[in-house]
C-alpha atoms as a PDB file:
ATOM      1  CA  MET A   1      60.521 -62.232  26.736  1.00  0.00           C
ATOM      2  CA  PRO A   2      60.536 -58.096  26.464  1.00  0.00           C
ATOM      3  CA  ASN A   3      62.015 -56.558  29.548  1.00  0.00           C
ATOM      4  CA  THR A   4      59.786 -53.932  31.972  1.00  0.00           C
ATOM      5  CA  SER A   5      61.504 -50.929  29.852  1.00  0.00           C
ATOM      6  CA  GLN A   6      60.737 -52.154  26.381  1.00  0.00           C
ATOM      7  CA  THR A   7      57.180 -52.926  27.507  1.00  0.00           C
ATOM      8  CA  LEU A   8      56.699 -49.418  29.209  1.00  0.00           C
ATOM      9  CA  MET A   9      58.321 -47.905  25.924  1.00  0.00           C
ATOM     10  CA  ARG A  10      55.687 -49.691  23.873  1.00  0.00           C
ATOM     11  CA  THR A  11      52.984 -48.854  25.429  1.00  0.00           C
ATOM     12  CA  PHE A  12      53.757 -44.999  25.934  1.00  0.00           C
ATOM     13  CA  PHE A  13      54.019 -45.086  21.977  1.00  0.00           C
ATOM     14  CA  LEU A  14      50.747 -46.827  21.921  1.00  0.00           C
ATOM     15  CA  LEU A  15      49.126 -44.301  24.083  1.00  0.00           C
ATOM     16  CA  SER A  16      50.670 -41.191  22.194  1.00  0.00           C
ATOM     17  CA  SER A  17      49.579 -42.721  18.767  1.00  0.00           C
ATOM     18  CA  ILE A  18      46.057 -43.142  20.407  1.00  0.00           C
ATOM     19  CA  ILE A  19      46.050 -39.109  21.885  1.00  0.00           C
ATOM     20  CA  LEU A  20      47.602 -37.911  18.438  1.00  0.00           C
ATOM     21  CA  ALA A  21      44.757 -39.244  16.435  1.00  0.00           C
ATOM     22  CA  SER A  22      41.903 -38.366  18.890  1.00  0.00           C
ATOM     23  CA  GLY A  23      43.570 -34.903  18.521  1.00  0.00           C
ATOM     24  CA  LEU A  24      43.394 -34.887  14.793  1.00  0.00           C
ATOM     25  CA  ASN A  25      40.091 -36.544  15.013  1.00  0.00           C
ATOM     26  CA  ALA A  26      38.794 -33.890  17.030  1.00  0.00           C
ATOM     27  CA  ALA A  27      40.264 -31.286  14.948  1.00  0.00           C
ATOM     28  CA  LEU A  28      38.547 -32.479  12.137  1.00  0.00           C
ATOM     29  CA  ALA A  29      35.318 -32.872  13.771  1.00  0.00           C
ATOM     30  CA  GLN A  30      35.636 -29.228  14.421  1.00  0.00           C
ATOM     31  CA  ASN A  31      36.484 -28.167  11.288  1.00  0.00           C
ATOM     32  CA  THR A  32      33.583 -29.815   9.577  1.00  0.00           C
ATOM     33  CA  PHE A  33      30.124 -27.986   8.819  1.00  0.00           C
ATOM     34  CA  THR A  34      27.354 -28.311   6.192  1.00  0.00           C
ATOM     35  CA  GLY A  35      25.262 -25.904   4.134  1.00  0.00           C
ATOM     36  CA  ASP A  36      23.413 -25.118   1.165  1.00  0.00           C
ATOM     37  CA  TRP A  37      24.726 -24.408  -2.604  1.00  0.00           C
ATOM     38  CA  HIS A  38      23.049 -22.489  -5.332  1.00  0.00           C
ATOM     39  CA  ALA A  39      24.992 -22.192  -8.757  1.00  0.00           C
ATOM     40  CA  SER A  40      24.841 -20.934 -12.094  1.00  0.00           C
ATOM     41  CA  THR A  41      26.480 -20.547 -15.300  1.00  0.00           C
ATOM     42  CA  ALA A  42      26.165 -20.003 -19.162  1.00  0.00           C
ATOM     43  CA  ASP A  43      25.984 -21.887 -22.396  1.00  0.00           C
ATOM     44  CA  ASN A  44      29.369 -19.980 -23.629  1.00  0.00           C
ATOM     45  CA  SER A  45      30.910 -19.608 -19.859  1.00  0.00           C
ATOM     46  CA  ASP A  46      33.767 -21.859 -18.710  1.00  0.00           C
ATOM     47  CA  LYS A  47      33.009 -20.544 -15.251  1.00  0.00           C
ATOM     48  CA  ILE A  48      30.407 -21.529 -13.009  1.00  0.00           C
ATOM     49  CA  GLN A  49      28.779 -19.311 -10.067  1.00  0.00           C
ATOM     50  CA  LEU A  50      28.971 -20.581  -6.734  1.00  0.00           C
ATOM     51  CA  SER A  51      26.922 -19.361  -3.618  1.00  0.00           C
ATOM     52  CA  LEU A  52      27.288 -21.353  -0.324  1.00  0.00           C
ATOM     53  CA  GLU A  53      24.982 -20.637   2.586  1.00  0.00           C
ATOM     54  CA  ARG A  54      25.004 -21.919   6.120  1.00  0.00           C
ATOM     55  CA  ARG A  55      23.625 -21.045   9.319  1.00  0.00           C
ATOM     56  CA  SER A  56      25.492 -20.279  12.316  1.00  0.00           C
ATOM     57  CA  GLU A  57      24.977 -21.430  16.005  1.00  0.00           C
ATOM     58  CA  LYS A  58      23.464 -18.340  16.897  1.00  0.00           C
ATOM     59  CA  GLY A  59      20.739 -18.126  14.222  1.00  0.00           C
ATOM     60  CA  GLY A  60      22.413 -16.016  11.702  1.00  0.00           C
ATOM     61  CA  ARG A  61      23.855 -16.551   8.201  1.00  0.00           C
ATOM     62  CA  ASN A  62      27.012 -16.890   6.241  1.00  0.00           C
ATOM     63  CA  GLN A  63      27.526 -16.269   2.911  1.00  0.00           C
ATOM     64  CA  MET A  64      30.092 -16.659   0.476  1.00  0.00           C
ATOM     65  CA  GLY A  65      30.238 -16.722  -3.752  1.00  0.00           C
ATOM     66  CA  SER A  66      32.383 -16.242  -6.387  1.00  0.00           C
ATOM     67  CA  LYS A  67      33.227 -17.450 -10.158  1.00  0.00           C
ATOM     68  CA  TYR A  68      35.173 -20.662 -10.485  1.00  0.00           C
ATOM     69  CA  GLU A  69      36.806 -22.486 -13.453  1.00  0.00           C
ATOM     70  CA  PHE A  70      34.666 -25.522 -14.234  1.00  0.00           C
ATOM     71  CA  SER A  71      38.418 -27.318 -13.945  1.00  0.00           C
ATOM     72  CA  ASP A  72      38.523 -26.155 -10.210  1.00  0.00           C
ATOM     73  CA  LEU A  73      36.073 -28.840  -9.803  1.00  0.00           C
ATOM     74  CA  GLN A  74      36.556 -32.279  -9.140  1.00  0.00           C
ATOM     75  CA  GLY A  75      33.282 -34.296 -10.846  1.00  0.00           C
ATOM     76  CA  LEU A  76      31.386 -31.501 -12.556  1.00  0.00           C
ATOM     77  CA  THR A  77      31.756 -30.454 -15.957  1.00  0.00           C
ATOM     78  CA  ARG A  78      29.848 -27.361 -18.275  1.00  0.00           C
ATOM     79  CA  HIS A  79      28.327 -30.186 -19.751  1.00  0.00           C
ATOM     80  CA  GLN A  80      26.764 -31.863 -16.875  1.00  0.00           C
ATOM     81  CA  ALA A  81      25.388 -28.366 -15.432  1.00  0.00           C
ATOM     82  CA  MET A  82      23.937 -27.390 -18.923  1.00  0.00           C
ATOM     83  CA  ARG A  83      22.399 -31.042 -19.298  1.00  0.00           C
ATOM     84  CA  GLY A  84      21.232 -31.198 -16.257  1.00  0.00           C
ATOM     85  CA  GLY A  85      20.551 -34.209 -13.587  1.00  0.00           C
ATOM     86  CA  ALA A  86      21.939 -35.467 -10.371  1.00  0.00           C
ATOM     87  CA  VAL A  87      25.630 -34.269  -9.584  1.00  0.00           C
ATOM     88  CA  SER A  88      28.319 -35.339  -7.153  1.00  0.00           C
ATOM     89  CA  PHE A  89      31.763 -33.043  -7.124  1.00  0.00           C
ATOM     90  CA  SER A  90      34.328 -31.445  -4.968  1.00  0.00           C
ATOM     91  CA  LEU A  91      36.693 -28.088  -4.432  1.00  0.00           C
ATOM     92  CA  VAL A  92      39.473 -29.560  -2.940  1.00  0.00           C
ATOM     93  CA  ARG A  93      42.204 -27.284  -1.954  1.00  0.00           C
ATOM     94  CA  GLU A  94      45.082 -26.794   0.329  1.00  0.00           C
ATOM     95  CA  ALA A  95      42.965 -25.557   3.587  1.00  0.00           C
ATOM     96  CA  GLY A  96      40.002 -28.080   3.006  1.00  0.00           C
ATOM     97  CA  ARG A  97      37.824 -29.287   0.646  1.00  0.00           C
ATOM     98  CA  VAL A  98      33.933 -28.702   0.215  1.00  0.00           C
ATOM     99  CA  ASP A  99      31.685 -31.575  -1.021  1.00  0.00           C
ATOM    100  CA  PHE A 100      28.772 -31.096  -2.990  1.00  0.00           C
ATOM    101  CA  GLU A 101      25.704 -33.176  -3.963  1.00  0.00           C
ATOM    102  CA  GLY A 102      22.946 -32.070  -5.763  1.00  0.00           C
ATOM    103  CA  THR A 103      21.055 -30.964  -9.027  1.00  0.00           C
ATOM    104  CA  PHE A 104      21.247 -29.193 -11.978  1.00  0.00           C
ATOM    105  CA  GLN A 105      18.915 -27.930 -14.712  1.00  0.00           C
ATOM    106  CA  ASP A 106      19.537 -25.605 -17.570  1.00  0.00           C
ATOM    107  CA  GLY A 107      22.763 -24.459 -16.002  1.00  0.00           C
ATOM    108  CA  LYS A 108      21.101 -23.626 -12.448  1.00  0.00           C
ATOM    109  CA  GLY A 109      22.256 -26.019  -9.735  1.00  0.00           C
ATOM    110  CA  SER A 110      21.021 -26.523  -5.957  1.00  0.00           C
ATOM    111  CA  GLY A 111      21.914 -28.572  -2.809  1.00  0.00           C
ATOM    112  CA  THR A 112      24.075 -29.221   0.019  1.00  0.00           C
ATOM    113  CA  PHE A 113      27.693 -29.505   0.950  1.00  0.00           C
ATOM    114  CA  ARG A 114      29.810 -30.474   3.411  1.00  0.00           C
ATOM    115  CA  PHE A 115      33.039 -28.771   4.552  1.00  0.00           C
ATOM    116  CA  THR A 116      35.952 -30.513   6.073  1.00  0.00           C
ATOM    117  CA  GLY A 117      39.019 -28.479   7.003  1.00  0.00           C
ATOM    118  CA  SER A 118      42.459 -29.515   6.905  1.00  0.00           C
ATOM    119  CA  SER A 119      44.569 -29.821  10.090  1.00  0.00           C
ATOM    120  CA  ASN A 120      47.668 -30.304   8.428  1.00  0.00           C
ATOM    121  CA  PHE A 121      47.105 -26.330   6.565  1.00  0.00           C
ATOM    122  CA  LEU A 122      46.141 -25.156  10.669  1.00  0.00           C
ATOM    123  CA  TYR A 123      49.664 -26.642  11.558  1.00  0.00           C
ATOM    124  CA  ALA A 124      51.439 -25.279   8.415  1.00  0.00           C
ATOM    125  CA  MET A 125      50.059 -22.073   8.839  1.00  0.00           C
ATOM    126  CA  LYS A 126      50.708 -21.780  12.573  1.00  0.00           C
ATOM    127  CA  SER A 127      54.314 -22.475  12.066  1.00  0.00           C
ATOM    128  CA  ARG A 128      54.777 -19.385   9.335  1.00  0.00           C
ATOM    129  CA  GLY A 129      53.239 -17.288  12.168  1.00  0.00           C
ATOM    130  CA  PHE A 130      49.418 -17.655  10.750  1.00  0.00           C
ATOM    131  CA  ASP A 131      47.338 -18.921  13.591  1.00  0.00           C
ATOM    132  CA  PHE A 132      43.911 -19.630  11.983  1.00  0.00           C
ATOM    133  CA  GLU A 133      42.804 -20.869  15.576  1.00  0.00           C
ATOM    134  CA  GLN A 134      43.531 -17.644  17.584  1.00  0.00           C
ATOM    135  CA  GLN A 135      41.413 -14.224  16.874  1.00  0.00           C
ATOM    136  CA  SER A 136      45.130 -12.367  17.010  1.00  0.00           C
ATOM    137  CA  ALA A 137      43.543  -9.184  15.271  1.00  0.00           C
ATOM    138  CA  LYS A 138      40.240  -7.707  14.470  1.00  0.00           C
ATOM    139  CA  SER A 139      40.355  -8.474  10.950  1.00  0.00           C
ATOM    140  CA  ASP A 140      40.806 -11.955  11.870  1.00  0.00           C
ATOM    141  CA  ARG A 141      37.912 -11.591  14.526  1.00  0.00           C
ATOM    142  CA  ASP A 142      35.753 -10.240  11.875  1.00  0.00           C
ATOM    143  CA  ARG A 143      36.230 -13.730  10.330  1.00  0.00           C
ATOM    144  CA  GLY A 144      34.292 -15.583  13.120  1.00  0.00           C
ATOM    145  CA  ASP A 145      35.784 -19.241  14.533  1.00  0.00           C
ATOM    146  CA  THR A 146      38.537 -21.368  13.012  1.00  0.00           C
ATOM    147  CA  GLU A 147      36.346 -23.228  10.769  1.00  0.00           C
ATOM    148  CA  ASP A 148      34.946 -20.249   9.218  1.00  0.00           C
ATOM    149  CA  ARG A 149      38.012 -18.882   8.500  1.00  0.00           C
ATOM    150  CA  LEU A 150      39.578 -22.436   7.363  1.00  0.00           C
ATOM    151  CA  PHE A 151      36.379 -22.182   4.802  1.00  0.00           C
ATOM    152  CA  THR A 152      37.247 -19.000   3.558  1.00  0.00           C
ATOM    153  CA  ALA A 153      41.001 -19.825   2.829  1.00  0.00           C
ATOM    154  CA  THR A 154      39.689 -22.945   0.850  1.00  0.00           C
ATOM    155  CA  MET A 155      37.407 -20.794  -1.188  1.00  0.00           C
ATOM    156  CA  LEU A 156      39.533 -18.098  -1.820  1.00  0.00           C
ATOM    157  CA  ASN A 157      42.319 -20.503  -2.174  1.00  0.00           C
ATOM    158  CA  VAL A 158      44.935 -19.582   0.307  1.00  0.00           C
ATOM    159  CA  THR A 159      47.892 -21.539   0.659  1.00  0.00           C
ATOM    160  CA  THR A 160      51.123 -21.729   2.415  1.00  0.00           C
ATOM    161  CA  ALA A 161      52.942 -20.662  -0.491  1.00  0.00           C
ATOM    162  CA  MET A 162      50.924 -17.530  -0.532  1.00  0.00           C
ATOM    163  CA  ALA A 163      52.110 -17.271   2.828  1.00  0.00           C
ATOM    164  CA  ASP A 164      55.672 -17.846   2.404  1.00  0.00           C
ATOM    165  CA  ASP A 165      55.321 -15.446  -0.821  1.00  0.00           C
ATOM    166  CA  LEU A 166      54.067 -12.722   1.373  1.00  0.00           C
ATOM    167  CA  ALA A 167      56.626 -13.126   3.869  1.00  0.00           C
ATOM    168  CA  SER A 168      59.370 -12.542   1.471  1.00  0.00           C
ATOM    169  CA  ALA A 169      57.797  -8.884   0.818  1.00  0.00           C
ATOM    170  CA  ASN A 170      58.997  -7.099   4.038  1.00  0.00           C
ATOM    171  CA  LEU A 171      55.174  -6.164   5.092  1.00  0.00           C
ATOM    172  CA  GLY A 172      55.756  -6.555   8.471  1.00  0.00           C
ATOM    173  CA  VAL A 173      53.626  -8.526  11.052  1.00  0.00           C
ATOM    174  CA  LEU A 174      50.617 -10.305   9.185  1.00  0.00           C
ATOM    175  CA  GLY A 175      47.527 -11.782  10.193  1.00  0.00           C
ATOM    176  CA  VAL A 176      45.088 -14.579   8.731  1.00  0.00           C
ATOM    177  CA  GLY A 177      42.992 -11.467   7.519  1.00  0.00           C
ATOM    178  CA  ASP A 178      45.818 -10.410   5.686  1.00  0.00           C
ATOM    179  CA  LEU A 179      46.160 -13.409   3.550  1.00  0.00           C
ATOM    180  CA  PHE A 180      42.910 -13.085   2.871  1.00  0.00           C
ATOM    181  CA  LYS A 181      42.826  -9.381   1.848  1.00  0.00           C
ATOM    182  CA  ALA A 182      46.130 -10.474  -0.356  1.00  0.00           C
ATOM    183  CA  ALA A 183      43.862 -13.521  -2.130  1.00  0.00           C
ATOM    184  CA  ILE A 184      41.043 -11.212  -2.884  1.00  0.00           C
ATOM    185  CA  PHE A 185      42.878  -8.556  -4.428  1.00  0.00           C
ATOM    186  CA  LYS A 186      45.875  -9.976  -5.744  1.00  0.00           C
ATOM    187  CA  VAL A 187      48.632  -8.552  -3.810  1.00  0.00           C
ATOM    188  CA  ASP A 188      51.606 -10.623  -3.944  1.00  0.00           C
ATOM    189  CA  SER A 189      55.165 -10.207  -3.369  1.00  0.00           C
ATOM    190  CA  GLN A 190      55.991  -9.195  -7.211  1.00  0.00           C
ATOM    191  CA  PHE A 191      53.484  -6.525  -6.888  1.00  0.00           C
ATOM    192  CA  ALA A 192      54.497  -4.943  -3.372  1.00  0.00           C
ATOM    193  CA  ARG A 193      58.351  -4.716  -4.615  1.00  0.00           C
ATOM    194  CA  GLU A 194      57.088  -3.066  -7.702  1.00  0.00           C
ATOM    195  CA  MET A 195      55.197  -0.417  -6.058  1.00  0.00           C
ATOM    196  CA  LYS A 196      57.815   0.230  -3.668  1.00  0.00           C
ATOM    197  CA  ALA A 197      60.540   0.610  -6.131  1.00  0.00           C
ATOM    198  CA  SER A 198      58.180   3.006  -7.776  1.00  0.00           C
ATOM    199  CA  GLY A 199      58.780   5.661  -4.899  1.00  0.00           C
ATOM    200  CA  PHE A 200      56.488   4.008  -1.831  1.00  0.00           C
ATOM    201  CA  PRO A 201      59.075   1.986  -0.092  1.00  0.00           C
ATOM    202  CA  LYS A 202      57.089   2.344   3.134  1.00  0.00           C
ATOM    203  CA  LEU A 203      54.059   0.462   1.650  1.00  0.00           C
ATOM    204  CA  GLY A 204      52.315  -1.590   4.043  1.00  0.00           C
ATOM    205  CA  MET A 205      49.585  -4.606   3.429  1.00  0.00           C
ATOM    206  CA  GLU A 206      46.499  -1.865   3.555  1.00  0.00           C
ATOM    207  CA  ASP A 207      48.466   0.438   1.462  1.00  0.00           C
ATOM    208  CA  LEU A 208      48.748  -2.126  -1.540  1.00  0.00           C
ATOM    209  CA  VAL A 209      45.118  -3.482  -1.362  1.00  0.00           C
ATOM    210  CA  LYS A 210      44.151   0.475  -1.965  1.00  0.00           C
ATOM    211  CA  ALA A 211      46.497   0.263  -4.514  1.00  0.00           C
ATOM    212  CA  ARG A 212      44.672  -2.649  -6.410  1.00  0.00           C
ATOM    213  CA  ILE A 213      41.434  -1.354  -5.696  1.00  0.00           C
ATOM    214  CA  PHE A 214      41.922   2.342  -7.222  1.00  0.00           C
ATOM    215  CA  LYS A 215      44.293   0.792 -10.019  1.00  0.00           C
ATOM    216  CA  ILE A 216      47.305   2.097  -9.109  1.00  0.00           C
ATOM    217  CA  ASP A 217      50.274   0.570 -10.505  1.00  0.00           C
ATOM    218  CA  PRO A 218      54.075   1.312 -11.599  1.00  0.00           C
ATOM    219  CA  ASP A 219      52.881   2.438 -14.924  1.00  0.00           C
ATOM    220  CA  TYR A 220      50.236   4.906 -13.386  1.00  0.00           C
ATOM    221  CA  VAL A 221      53.117   6.212 -11.161  1.00  0.00           C
ATOM    222  CA  SER A 222      55.331   6.582 -14.071  1.00  0.00           C
ATOM    223  CA  LYS A 223      52.737   8.702 -16.169  1.00  0.00           C
ATOM    224  CA  VAL A 224      51.721  10.875 -13.105  1.00  0.00           C
ATOM    225  CA  ASN A 225      55.652  11.183 -12.713  1.00  0.00           C
ATOM    226  CA  GLY A 226      55.809  12.162 -16.170  1.00  0.00           C
ATOM    227  CA  MET A 227      53.276  14.679 -16.028  1.00  0.00           C
ATOM    228  CA  GLY A 228      55.681  16.743 -13.351  1.00  0.00           C
ATOM    229  CA  LEU A 229      53.272  16.201 -10.365  1.00  0.00           C
ATOM    230  CA  GLN A 230      56.505  14.223  -8.802  1.00  0.00           C
ATOM    231  CA  LYS A 231      56.998  13.697  -4.773  1.00  0.00           C
ATOM    232  CA  LEU A 232      53.260  13.229  -4.358  1.00  0.00           C
ATOM    233  CA  THR A 233      52.182  10.775  -1.271  1.00  0.00           C
ATOM    234  CA  PHE A 234      50.560   7.988  -1.524  1.00  0.00           C
ATOM    235  CA  GLU A 235      47.614   8.944  -0.630  1.00  0.00           C
ATOM    236  CA  GLN A 236      47.546  11.855  -3.089  1.00  0.00           C
ATOM    237  CA  LEU A 237      47.654   9.174  -5.508  1.00  0.00           C
ATOM    238  CA  VAL A 238      44.567   7.612  -3.909  1.00  0.00           C
ATOM    239  CA  LYS A 239      43.087  10.638  -4.151  1.00  0.00           C
ATOM    240  CA  MET A 240      43.791  11.617  -8.105  1.00  0.00           C
ATOM    241  CA  ARG A 241      42.152   7.794  -8.639  1.00  0.00           C
ATOM    242  CA  ILE A 242      39.071   8.466  -6.436  1.00  0.00           C
ATOM    243  CA  PHE A 243      37.879  11.410  -8.056  1.00  0.00           C
ATOM    244  CA  LYS A 244      39.040  10.191 -12.160  1.00  0.00           C
ATOM    245  CA  ILE A 245      42.234  12.710 -12.192  1.00  0.00           C
ATOM    246  CA  THR A 246      43.888  11.212 -14.994  1.00  0.00           C
ATOM    247  CA  PRO A 247      47.017  12.516 -17.328  1.00  0.00           C
ATOM    248  CA  GLU A 248      44.594  13.048 -19.870  1.00  0.00           C
ATOM    249  CA  TYR A 249      42.543  15.607 -17.713  1.00  0.00           C
ATOM    250  CA  ILE A 250      45.872  17.107 -16.269  1.00  0.00           C
ATOM    251  CA  SER A 251      46.818  18.007 -19.865  1.00  0.00           C
ATOM    252  CA  GLU A 252      43.589  18.965 -20.951  1.00  0.00           C
ATOM    253  CA  VAL A 253      43.488  21.829 -18.406  1.00  0.00           C
ATOM    254  CA  ARG A 254      46.926  22.692 -18.794  1.00  0.00           C
ATOM    255  CA  GLY A 255      46.251  23.443 -22.487  1.00  0.00           C
ATOM    256  CA  ILE A 256      44.030  25.866 -21.373  1.00  0.00           C
ATOM    257  CA  GLY A 257      46.641  27.479 -19.549  1.00  0.00           C
ATOM    258  CA  PHE A 258      46.848  26.012 -16.129  1.00  0.00           C
ATOM    259  CA  ALA A 259      50.763  25.317 -15.617  1.00  0.00           C
ATOM    260  CA  ASP A 260      50.895  24.340 -12.439  1.00  0.00           C
ATOM    261  CA  LEU A 261      48.001  22.878 -10.386  1.00  0.00           C
ATOM    262  CA  SER A 262      48.419  20.931  -7.082  1.00  0.00           C
ATOM    263  CA  VAL A 263      46.577  17.870  -6.525  1.00  0.00           C
ATOM    264  CA  GLU A 264      44.106  19.651  -4.188  1.00  0.00           C
ATOM    265  CA  GLU A 265      43.153  21.940  -6.988  1.00  0.00           C
ATOM    266  CA  LEU A 266      42.784  19.206  -9.521  1.00  0.00           C
ATOM    267  CA  VAL A 267      40.140  17.524  -7.496  1.00  0.00           C
ATOM    268  CA  LYS A 268      38.250  20.762  -6.698  1.00  0.00           C
ATOM    269  CA  LEU A 269      37.933  21.187 -10.684  1.00  0.00           C
ATOM    270  CA  ARG A 270      37.177  17.584 -10.563  1.00  0.00           C
ATOM    271  CA  ILE A 271      34.290  18.085  -7.901  1.00  0.00           C
ATOM    272  CA  PHE A 272      32.787  20.942  -9.612  1.00  0.00           C
ATOM    273  CA  ASN A 273      33.050  19.206 -12.953  1.00  0.00           C
ATOM    274  CA  ILE A 274      34.928  22.090 -14.762  1.00  0.00           C
ATOM    275  CA  ASP A 275      36.489  20.798 -17.740  1.00  0.00           C
ATOM    276  CA  SER A 276      38.283  22.401 -20.708  1.00  0.00           C
ATOM    277  CA  ALA A 277      34.912  23.576 -22.361  1.00  0.00           C
ATOM    278  CA  PHE A 278      33.987  24.993 -19.078  1.00  0.00           C
ATOM    279  CA  ILE A 279      37.042  27.148 -18.802  1.00  0.00           C
ATOM    280  CA  ARG A 280      36.465  28.425 -22.167  1.00  0.00           C
ATOM    281  CA  GLU A 281      32.987  29.684 -21.746  1.00  0.00           C
ATOM    282  CA  ALA A 282      33.851  30.906 -18.237  1.00  0.00           C
ATOM    283  CA  THR A 283      36.914  32.775 -19.398  1.00  0.00           C
ATOM    284  CA  SER A 284      35.019  34.292 -22.194  1.00  0.00           C
ATOM    285  CA  GLU A 285      32.676  36.261 -19.927  1.00  0.00           C
ATOM    286  CA  GLY A 286      35.508  37.811 -17.882  1.00  0.00           C
ATOM    287  CA  VAL A 287      36.111  34.532 -15.113  1.00  0.00           C
ATOM    288  CA  PRO A 288      39.853  35.105 -14.084  1.00  0.00           C
ATOM    289  CA  LEU A 289      41.848  31.640 -14.458  1.00  0.00           C
ATOM    290  CA  ASN A 290      41.732  30.751 -11.338  1.00  0.00           C
ATOM    291  CA  VAL A 291      40.225  27.574  -9.855  1.00  0.00           C
ATOM    292  CA  GLU A 292      38.277  29.441  -6.812  1.00  0.00           C
ATOM    293  CA  LYS A 293      37.340  31.676  -9.295  1.00  0.00           C
ATOM    294  CA  LEU A 294      36.143  28.772 -11.648  1.00  0.00           C
ATOM    295  CA  VAL A 295      34.259  27.218  -8.832  1.00  0.00           C
ATOM    296  CA  GLN A 296      32.497  30.228  -8.072  1.00  0.00           C
ATOM    297  CA  ARG A 297      31.094  30.731 -11.396  1.00  0.00           C
ATOM    298  CA  ARG A 298      30.366  26.806 -11.453  1.00  0.00           C
ATOM    299  CA  ILE A 299      28.074  27.375  -8.358  1.00  0.00           C
ATOM    300  CA  GLY A 300      26.780  30.502  -9.775  1.00  0.00           C
ATOM    301  CA  ALA A 301      28.368  32.604  -7.044  1.00  0.00           C
ATOM    302  CA  GLY A 302      29.881  36.218  -8.290  1.00  0.00           C
ATOM    303  CA  ASN A 303      29.356  38.005 -11.359  1.00  0.00           C
ATOM    304  CA  TYR A 304      32.446  38.300 -13.623  1.00  0.00           C
ATOM    305  CA  ARG A 305      31.205  39.630 -16.641  1.00  0.00           C
ATOM    306  CA  SER A 306      33.422  41.936 -18.411  1.00  0.00           C
ATOM    307  CA  ASN A 307      32.575  45.604 -18.872  1.00  0.00           C
END
């Protein structure tokens, strides 16, 4: 016969197992919802455009769409989508899974989906400092509730490996929203290290996202430095990209006679669409080789015609 201590110990473990199972089931239930999906593909494409929509408790609509490789989807091929008929397929990721039911006809499909978030993913991310259940930053609050953030992580394929990789890049304290930005704009530790080594050691996540948006990479930085525009700030590089100040444009205006223009002057020339052809025409009419005078000539202010 078991003694009293053994009985109490068994009872404790039994109750613990029930509580743990109950907690896991509750967490999974909270991270589950349904919605509608639409899809389209083409004969010569290996990708499918998926758009998912669900209604919030307040009556609003939450939508997310992107292109996916057919290889990302379990149970669906391009042939099935083009052939048509009833389909059942899944998108399975570390953060959760989306199960789809519906039909296709001529490459276009629609139906309903069910999303189930992963509690294991929640716990693994929390141990790394990314709490999907807590709205710790504005970028996180913008993503809605826990299930919304899990759903976004699933659709963007946010993983614990990605979190570990970003943590190695010394970008400071990051939030869940930063993981989404990294996934969307392809920011990883390698890109962060390369950009920092190019002369910008203090870049943070927001800067790296800007770099991706405006196509600023170490190669572009090297080309700009090669044009003699060294010791520029990162924001000056962003400004150059916004106004399409390329190394080719810099060479063009230098070929006319501008030897040492600042970024601000180059931006001004670009804003007013002043190129080598305009400069030649203006200077032939007596306009001095001066940025301000050329701008005035462009907007029709002043008379610089030679006597």
